[in-house]
Amino acid sequence: MNVAPMISVVLGAVLALVGGIATELWKQRKAARAAARLVWLELILARSALLGAVALGQWPDDFPFSDDVWMAQRDRLALGWDTKAFRDVQTAYLQLHAIVTTPPAERGDTALFWPALVTVDRAAEAVGKEARVDKRELDQFRRPLAERLEETRTFVEQVLAAGPEGMSDTFNEEDFQRNAAGILFHSKELVAWLWPRSKALDQFPPELRARAAEAIAHQEHTAPPWTRRQTK
């Protein structure tokens, strides 16, 4: 009996099965990476706000937190993550949710939220690695968290002291990117300085400039008077 044809059929079936499994795993990893990138954008915003609050000792009026992406994408992430990493991110979101749902006046001193910041920062790093974000984004986590807090505090103090006239001579784009937490916290004071109307509108495509101008005008109208005078 010639078994060669049978062996070829079996071997072909095995190779097809292995190839199918490998393709499916590749698709799962790709989907998990895409999900991680979305979660990264959501989580890093809340992390920056919490870092700014702890660094500056004040709660922002509007804490930028949402868990919509996490709720929609966590099933994809769960497929490729170990239990601890997934639990750490889930815990970070639960702690952020607890902060947001508590009125600012009832949260207490921001210094008490150092443990929560550590948890959220660690979770953000894990998500960033899974998402394979730019190395410069991940490099921030190599520095001690306390050092980053102090840098944010010093940065905001220096920017407010320099005022809109002296910022361009004192700071560069990297400074602002590295200290996004301070910018988020003092959004009304700093955003109006960083992106004056004439310069900001140039960054929008023509079809969006009218809406952008209305939004910027509204921001200027609701900003403190001393800020509005600087942006005229």
C-alpha atoms as a PDB file:
ATOM      1  CA  MET A   1       0.000   0.000   0.000  1.00  0.00           C
ATOM      2  CA  ASN A   2       1.346   3.357  -1.030  1.00  0.00           C
ATOM      3  CA  VAL A   3       0.985   5.677   1.977  1.00  0.00           C
ATOM      4  CA  ALA A   4       2.827   8.585   0.457  1.00  0.00           C
ATOM      5  CA  PRO A   5      -0.340  10.306  -0.840  1.00  0.00           C
ATOM      6  CA  MET A   6      -1.994   9.868   2.549  1.00  0.00           C
ATOM      7  CA  ILE A   7       1.036  11.321   4.324  1.00  0.00           C
ATOM      8  CA  SER A   8       1.009  14.282   1.954  1.00  0.00           C
ATOM      9  CA  VAL A   9      -2.670  14.915   2.662  1.00  0.00           C
ATOM     10  CA  VAL A  10      -2.195  14.681   6.423  1.00  0.00           C
ATOM     11  CA  LEU A  11       0.900  16.873   6.327  1.00  0.00           C
ATOM     12  CA  GLY A  12      -0.913  19.424   4.215  1.00  0.00           C
ATOM     13  CA  ALA A  13      -3.824  19.482   6.639  1.00  0.00           C
ATOM     14  CA  VAL A  14      -1.489  19.927   9.605  1.00  0.00           C
ATOM     15  CA  LEU A  15       0.376  22.769   7.917  1.00  0.00           C
ATOM     16  CA  ALA A  16      -2.913  24.448   7.005  1.00  0.00           C
ATOM     17  CA  LEU A  17      -4.113  24.114  10.587  1.00  0.00           C
ATOM     18  CA  VAL A  18      -0.885  25.513  12.003  1.00  0.00           C
ATOM     19  CA  GLY A  19      -0.926  28.332   9.486  1.00  0.00           C
ATOM     20  CA  GLY A  20      -4.522  29.122  10.359  1.00  0.00           C
ATOM     21  CA  ILE A  21      -3.747  29.216  14.072  1.00  0.00           C
ATOM     22  CA  ALA A  22      -0.714  31.438  13.492  1.00  0.00           C
ATOM     23  CA  THR A  23      -2.774  33.818  11.355  1.00  0.00           C
ATOM     24  CA  GLU A  24      -5.492  34.000  13.984  1.00  0.00           C
ATOM     25  CA  LEU A  25      -2.959  34.719  16.734  1.00  0.00           C
ATOM     26  CA  TRP A  26      -1.393  37.425  14.568  1.00  0.00           C
ATOM     27  CA  LYS A  27      -4.806  39.008  14.057  1.00  0.00           C
ATOM     28  CA  GLN A  28      -5.481  38.898  17.794  1.00  0.00           C
ATOM     29  CA  ARG A  29      -2.154  40.547  18.602  1.00  0.00           C
ATOM     30  CA  LYS A  30      -2.772  43.211  15.973  1.00  0.00           C
ATOM     31  CA  ALA A  31      -6.251  43.915  17.346  1.00  0.00           C
ATOM     32  CA  ALA A  32      -4.885  44.030  20.906  1.00  0.00           C
ATOM     33  CA  ARG A  33      -2.193  46.510  19.887  1.00  0.00           C
ATOM     34  CA  ALA A  34      -4.742  48.756  18.182  1.00  0.00           C
ATOM     35  CA  ALA A  35      -6.973  48.555  21.272  1.00  0.00           C
ATOM     36  CA  ALA A  36      -4.018  49.411  23.505  1.00  0.00           C
ATOM     37  CA  ARG A  37      -3.282  52.526  21.460  1.00  0.00           C
ATOM     38  CA  LEU A  38      -6.837  53.753  21.965  1.00  0.00           C
ATOM     39  CA  VAL A  39      -6.730  53.002  25.694  1.00  0.00           C
ATOM     40  CA  TRP A  40      -3.353  54.740  25.938  1.00  0.00           C
ATOM     41  CA  LEU A  41      -4.784  57.992  24.593  1.00  0.00           C
ATOM     42  CA  GLU A  42      -7.657  57.814  27.060  1.00  0.00           C
ATOM     43  CA  LEU A  43      -5.643  56.795  30.102  1.00  0.00           C
ATOM     44  CA  ILE A  44      -2.654  59.103  29.611  1.00  0.00           C
ATOM     45  CA  LEU A  45      -4.974  62.129  29.592  1.00  0.00           C
ATOM     46  CA  ALA A  46      -6.434  61.217  32.979  1.00  0.00           C
ATOM     47  CA  ARG A  47      -2.980  60.307  34.288  1.00  0.00           C
ATOM     48  CA  SER A  48      -1.667  63.742  33.293  1.00  0.00           C
ATOM     49  CA  ALA A  49      -4.575  65.460  35.035  1.00  0.00           C
ATOM     50  CA  LEU A  50      -3.999  63.486  38.240  1.00  0.00           C
ATOM     51  CA  LEU A  51      -0.257  64.134  38.093  1.00  0.00           C
ATOM     52  CA  GLY A  52      -0.931  67.851  37.706  1.00  0.00           C
ATOM     53  CA  ALA A  53      -3.371  67.875  40.616  1.00  0.00           C
ATOM     54  CA  VAL A  54      -0.963  66.101  42.966  1.00  0.00           C
ATOM     55  CA  ALA A  55       1.983  68.219  41.817  1.00  0.00           C
ATOM     56  CA  LEU A  56       0.184  71.540  42.222  1.00  0.00           C
ATOM     57  CA  GLY A  57      -1.923  70.653  45.246  1.00  0.00           C
ATOM     58  CA  GLN A  58      -5.237  71.605  43.650  1.00  0.00           C
ATOM     59  CA  TRP A  59      -8.056  69.773  41.929  1.00  0.00           C
ATOM     60  CA  PRO A  60      -9.019  70.986  38.454  1.00  0.00           C
ATOM     61  CA  ASP A  61     -12.597  72.116  37.964  1.00  0.00           C
ATOM     62  CA  ASP A  62     -13.027  69.611  35.146  1.00  0.00           C
ATOM     63  CA  PHE A  63     -11.159  66.336  35.534  1.00  0.00           C
ATOM     64  CA  PRO A  64     -10.679  64.842  32.029  1.00  0.00           C
ATOM     65  CA  PHE A  65     -11.597  61.208  32.542  1.00  0.00           C
ATOM     66  CA  SER A  66     -13.501  58.703  30.446  1.00  0.00           C
ATOM     67  CA  ASP A  67     -13.562  54.916  30.498  1.00  0.00           C
ATOM     68  CA  ASP A  68     -15.521  54.490  27.260  1.00  0.00           C
ATOM     69  CA  VAL A  69     -12.556  53.160  25.287  1.00  0.00           C
ATOM     70  CA  TRP A  70     -11.483  50.856  28.097  1.00  0.00           C
ATOM     71  CA  MET A  71     -14.964  49.368  28.411  1.00  0.00           C
ATOM     72  CA  ALA A  72     -15.151  48.856  24.652  1.00  0.00           C
ATOM     73  CA  GLN A  73     -11.631  47.441  24.145  1.00  0.00           C
ATOM     74  CA  ARG A  74     -10.730  45.554  27.321  1.00  0.00           C
ATOM     75  CA  ASP A  75     -11.925  42.195  25.946  1.00  0.00           C
ATOM     76  CA  ARG A  76      -9.349  42.443  23.166  1.00  0.00           C
ATOM     77  CA  LEU A  77      -6.621  43.347  25.631  1.00  0.00           C
ATOM     78  CA  ALA A  78      -7.546  40.497  27.946  1.00  0.00           C
ATOM     79  CA  LEU A  79      -6.714  37.957  25.237  1.00  0.00           C
ATOM     80  CA  GLY A  80      -3.019  38.770  25.223  1.00  0.00           C
ATOM     81  CA  TRP A  81      -2.281  40.176  28.677  1.00  0.00           C
ATOM     82  CA  ASP A  82      -1.292  38.336  31.790  1.00  0.00           C
ATOM     83  CA  THR A  83      -3.694  38.577  34.719  1.00  0.00           C
ATOM     84  CA  LYS A  84      -1.609  41.033  36.760  1.00  0.00           C
ATOM     85  CA  ALA A  85      -1.142  43.560  33.950  1.00  0.00           C
ATOM     86  CA  PHE A  86      -4.838  43.496  33.122  1.00  0.00           C
ATOM     87  CA  ARG A  87      -5.809  43.822  36.790  1.00  0.00           C
ATOM     88  CA  ASP A  88      -3.454  46.797  37.243  1.00  0.00           C
ATOM     89  CA  VAL A  89      -5.099  48.712  34.412  1.00  0.00           C
ATOM     90  CA  GLN A  90      -8.580  47.816  35.653  1.00  0.00           C
ATOM     91  CA  THR A  91      -7.630  49.045  39.135  1.00  0.00           C
ATOM     92  CA  ALA A  92      -6.311  52.314  37.687  1.00  0.00           C
ATOM     93  CA  TYR A  93      -9.603  52.945  35.926  1.00  0.00           C
ATOM     94  CA  LEU A  94     -11.603  52.130  39.063  1.00  0.00           C
ATOM     95  CA  GLN A  95      -9.546  54.579  41.106  1.00  0.00           C
ATOM     96  CA  LEU A  96      -9.898  57.309  38.493  1.00  0.00           C
ATOM     97  CA  HIS A  97     -13.634  56.709  38.337  1.00  0.00           C
ATOM     98  CA  ALA A  98     -13.862  57.043  42.125  1.00  0.00           C
ATOM     99  CA  ILE A  99     -11.993  60.365  41.961  1.00  0.00           C
ATOM    100  CA  VAL A 100     -14.179  61.798  39.220  1.00  0.00           C
ATOM    101  CA  THR A 101     -17.454  60.796  40.846  1.00  0.00           C
ATOM    102  CA  THR A 102     -16.460  62.480  44.116  1.00  0.00           C
ATOM    103  CA  PRO A 103     -17.031  66.272  44.234  1.00  0.00           C
ATOM    104  CA  PRO A 104     -13.699  68.165  44.371  1.00  0.00           C
ATOM    105  CA  ALA A 105     -14.540  69.670  47.766  1.00  0.00           C
ATOM    106  CA  GLU A 106     -14.962  66.169  49.218  1.00  0.00           C
ATOM    107  CA  ARG A 107     -11.819  64.557  47.796  1.00  0.00           C
ATOM    108  CA  GLY A 108      -9.445  65.919  50.379  1.00  0.00           C
ATOM    109  CA  ASP A 109      -5.811  66.897  49.996  1.00  0.00           C
ATOM    110  CA  THR A 110      -4.347  65.879  46.645  1.00  0.00           C
ATOM    111  CA  ALA A 111      -1.251  64.546  48.429  1.00  0.00           C
ATOM    112  CA  LEU A 112      -3.380  61.679  49.728  1.00  0.00           C
ATOM    113  CA  PHE A 113      -3.776  60.454  46.150  1.00  0.00           C
ATOM    114  CA  TRP A 114      -0.093  59.673  45.687  1.00  0.00           C
ATOM    115  CA  PRO A 115      -0.777  55.888  45.873  1.00  0.00           C
ATOM    116  CA  ALA A 116      -3.502  56.257  43.237  1.00  0.00           C
ATOM    117  CA  LEU A 117      -1.109  58.214  41.019  1.00  0.00           C
ATOM    118  CA  VAL A 118       1.495  55.471  41.345  1.00  0.00           C
ATOM    119  CA  THR A 119      -1.088  52.886  40.283  1.00  0.00           C
ATOM    120  CA  VAL A 120      -2.331  54.949  37.337  1.00  0.00           C
ATOM    121  CA  ASP A 121       1.193  55.805  36.207  1.00  0.00           C
ATOM    122  CA  ARG A 122       2.213  52.148  36.263  1.00  0.00           C
ATOM    123  CA  ALA A 123      -0.897  51.191  34.307  1.00  0.00           C
ATOM    124  CA  ALA A 124      -0.238  53.890  31.712  1.00  0.00           C
ATOM    125  CA  GLU A 125       3.290  52.576  31.223  1.00  0.00           C
ATOM    126  CA  ALA A 126       1.996  49.026  30.728  1.00  0.00           C
ATOM    127  CA  VAL A 127      -0.560  50.176  28.166  1.00  0.00           C
ATOM    128  CA  GLY A 128       2.040  52.284  26.373  1.00  0.00           C
ATOM    129  CA  LYS A 129       4.389  49.326  26.041  1.00  0.00           C
ATOM    130  CA  GLU A 130       1.595  47.122  24.714  1.00  0.00           C
ATOM    131  CA  ALA A 131       0.607  49.857  22.256  1.00  0.00           C
ATOM    132  CA  ARG A 132       4.250  50.299  21.191  1.00  0.00           C
ATOM    133  CA  VAL A 133       3.993  54.050  21.460  1.00  0.00           C
ATOM    134  CA  ASP A 134       6.919  56.249  20.548  1.00  0.00           C
ATOM    135  CA  LYS A 135      10.041  55.655  22.628  1.00  0.00           C
ATOM    136  CA  ARG A 136      10.048  59.297  23.725  1.00  0.00           C
ATOM    137  CA  GLU A 137       6.619  58.784  25.252  1.00  0.00           C
ATOM    138  CA  LEU A 138       7.833  55.792  27.242  1.00  0.00           C
ATOM    139  CA  ASP A 139      11.090  57.406  28.341  1.00  0.00           C
ATOM    140  CA  GLN A 140       9.192  59.556  30.825  1.00  0.00           C
ATOM    141  CA  PHE A 141       8.447  56.461  32.897  1.00  0.00           C
ATOM    142  CA  ARG A 142      12.154  55.794  33.366  1.00  0.00           C
ATOM    143  CA  ARG A 143      12.375  58.817  35.636  1.00  0.00           C
ATOM    144  CA  PRO A 144      11.140  58.656  39.244  1.00  0.00           C
ATOM    145  CA  LEU A 145       7.561  59.818  39.593  1.00  0.00           C
ATOM    146  CA  ALA A 146       8.489  62.239  42.380  1.00  0.00           C
ATOM    147  CA  GLU A 147      11.009  63.880  40.054  1.00  0.00           C
ATOM    148  CA  ARG A 148       8.351  64.346  37.371  1.00  0.00           C
ATOM    149  CA  LEU A 149       6.000  65.872  39.931  1.00  0.00           C
ATOM    150  CA  GLU A 150       8.578  68.435  40.943  1.00  0.00           C
ATOM    151  CA  GLU A 151       9.351  69.241  37.307  1.00  0.00           C
ATOM    152  CA  THR A 152       5.659  69.869  36.595  1.00  0.00           C
ATOM    153  CA  ARG A 153       5.338  72.119  39.638  1.00  0.00           C
ATOM    154  CA  THR A 154       8.428  74.118  38.698  1.00  0.00           C
ATOM    155  CA  PHE A 155       7.393  74.353  35.046  1.00  0.00           C
ATOM    156  CA  VAL A 156       3.983  75.871  35.804  1.00  0.00           C
ATOM    157  CA  GLU A 157       5.489  78.352  38.241  1.00  0.00           C
ATOM    158  CA  GLN A 158       8.076  79.439  35.656  1.00  0.00           C
ATOM    159  CA  VAL A 159       5.522  79.748  32.860  1.00  0.00           C
ATOM    160  CA  LEU A 160       3.156  81.825  34.962  1.00  0.00           C
ATOM    161  CA  ALA A 161       6.066  84.015  36.053  1.00  0.00           C
ATOM    162  CA  ALA A 162       7.324  84.476  32.482  1.00  0.00           C
ATOM    163  CA  GLY A 163       3.916  85.409  31.109  1.00  0.00           C
ATOM    164  CA  PRO A 164       2.932  85.197  27.434  1.00  0.00           C
ATOM    165  CA  GLU A 165       5.613  87.654  26.331  1.00  0.00           C
ATOM    166  CA  GLY A 166       8.528  85.687  27.721  1.00  0.00           C
ATOM    167  CA  MET A 167       7.493  82.102  27.124  1.00  0.00           C
ATOM    168  CA  SER A 168       8.934  81.705  23.645  1.00  0.00           C
ATOM    169  CA  ASP A 169      12.333  82.872  24.899  1.00  0.00           C
ATOM    170  CA  THR A 170      12.261  80.638  27.976  1.00  0.00           C
ATOM    171  CA  PHE A 171      10.700  77.358  26.845  1.00  0.00           C
ATOM    172  CA  ASN A 172      10.693  75.162  23.777  1.00  0.00           C
ATOM    173  CA  GLU A 173       8.176  72.681  22.387  1.00  0.00           C
ATOM    174  CA  GLU A 174       9.806  69.774  24.213  1.00  0.00           C
ATOM    175  CA  ASP A 175       9.316  71.547  27.538  1.00  0.00           C
ATOM    176  CA  PHE A 176       5.593  71.862  26.898  1.00  0.00           C
ATOM    177  CA  GLN A 177       5.214  68.272  25.706  1.00  0.00           C
ATOM    178  CA  ARG A 178       7.065  66.951  28.735  1.00  0.00           C
ATOM    179  CA  ASN A 179       4.921  68.987  31.114  1.00  0.00           C
ATOM    180  CA  ALA A 180       1.512  68.366  29.599  1.00  0.00           C
ATOM    181  CA  ALA A 181       0.074  67.786  33.079  1.00  0.00           C
ATOM    182  CA  GLY A 182       0.661  71.385  34.070  1.00  0.00           C
ATOM    183  CA  ILE A 183      -0.818  72.666  30.836  1.00  0.00           C
ATOM    184  CA  LEU A 184      -3.921  70.536  31.349  1.00  0.00           C
ATOM    185  CA  PHE A 185      -4.374  71.767  34.874  1.00  0.00           C
ATOM    186  CA  HIS A 186      -4.005  75.448  34.041  1.00  0.00           C
ATOM    187  CA  SER A 187      -5.725  75.121  30.664  1.00  0.00           C
ATOM    188  CA  LYS A 188      -7.481  78.474  30.588  1.00  0.00           C
ATOM    189  CA  GLU A 189      -4.395  80.399  31.623  1.00  0.00           C
ATOM    190  CA  LEU A 190      -1.840  78.573  29.501  1.00  0.00           C
ATOM    191  CA  VAL A 191      -3.679  77.391  26.393  1.00  0.00           C
ATOM    192  CA  ALA A 192      -4.635  80.955  25.480  1.00  0.00           C
ATOM    193  CA  TRP A 193      -0.952  81.878  25.714  1.00  0.00           C
ATOM    194  CA  LEU A 194       0.399  78.870  23.849  1.00  0.00           C
ATOM    195  CA  TRP A 195      -1.999  78.999  20.937  1.00  0.00           C
ATOM    196  CA  PRO A 196      -3.029  82.602  20.184  1.00  0.00           C
ATOM    197  CA  ARG A 197      -6.026  82.847  17.879  1.00  0.00           C
ATOM    198  CA  SER A 198      -4.200  83.899  14.705  1.00  0.00           C
ATOM    199  CA  LYS A 199      -1.629  81.112  15.069  1.00  0.00           C
ATOM    200  CA  ALA A 200      -4.087  78.475  16.188  1.00  0.00           C
ATOM    201  CA  LEU A 201      -6.430  78.915  13.240  1.00  0.00           C
ATOM    202  CA  ASP A 202      -3.610  78.266  10.785  1.00  0.00           C
ATOM    203  CA  GLN A 203      -3.386  74.719  12.121  1.00  0.00           C
ATOM    204  CA  PHE A 204      -6.969  73.890  11.084  1.00  0.00           C
ATOM    205  CA  PRO A 205      -8.095  72.954   7.562  1.00  0.00           C
ATOM    206  CA  PRO A 206     -10.200  75.648   5.868  1.00  0.00           C
ATOM    207  CA  GLU A 207     -13.473  73.799   6.378  1.00  0.00           C
ATOM    208  CA  LEU A 208     -12.966  73.729  10.165  1.00  0.00           C
ATOM    209  CA  ARG A 209     -11.599  77.223  10.771  1.00  0.00           C
ATOM    210  CA  ALA A 210     -14.976  78.892  11.293  1.00  0.00           C
ATOM    211  CA  ARG A 211     -15.934  76.413  14.009  1.00  0.00           C
ATOM    212  CA  ALA A 212     -12.464  76.631  15.532  1.00  0.00           C
ATOM    213  CA  ALA A 213     -12.676  80.431  15.648  1.00  0.00           C
ATOM    214  CA  GLU A 214     -15.998  80.211  17.483  1.00  0.00           C
ATOM    215  CA  ALA A 215     -14.553  77.739  19.991  1.00  0.00           C
ATOM    216  CA  ILE A 216     -11.477  79.874  20.638  1.00  0.00           C
ATOM    217  CA  ALA A 217     -13.623  82.987  21.020  1.00  0.00           C
ATOM    218  CA  HIS A 218     -15.774  81.153  23.554  1.00  0.00           C
ATOM    219  CA  GLN A 219     -12.674  80.074  25.454  1.00  0.00           C
ATOM    220  CA  GLU A 220     -11.383  83.636  25.554  1.00  0.00           C
ATOM    221  CA  HIS A 221     -14.771  84.849  26.751  1.00  0.00           C
ATOM    222  CA  THR A 222     -14.839  82.367  29.645  1.00  0.00           C
ATOM    223  CA  ALA A 223     -11.151  82.779  30.600  1.00  0.00           C
ATOM    224  CA  PRO A 224     -10.095  85.084  33.445  1.00  0.00           C
ATOM    225  CA  PRO A 225      -9.983  88.781  32.421  1.00  0.00           C
ATOM    226  CA  TRP A 226      -6.202  89.071  32.693  1.00  0.00           C
ATOM    227  CA  THR A 227      -5.844  86.117  30.334  1.00  0.00           C
ATOM    228  CA  ARG A 228      -8.266  87.571  27.791  1.00  0.00           C
ATOM    229  CA  ARG A 229      -6.333  90.814  27.633  1.00  0.00           C
ATOM    230  CA  GLN A 230      -3.168  88.942  26.665  1.00  0.00           C
ATOM    231  CA  THR A 231      -4.875  87.098  23.800  1.00  0.00           C
ATOM    232  CA  LYS A 232      -6.422  90.085  22.025  1.00  0.00           C
END
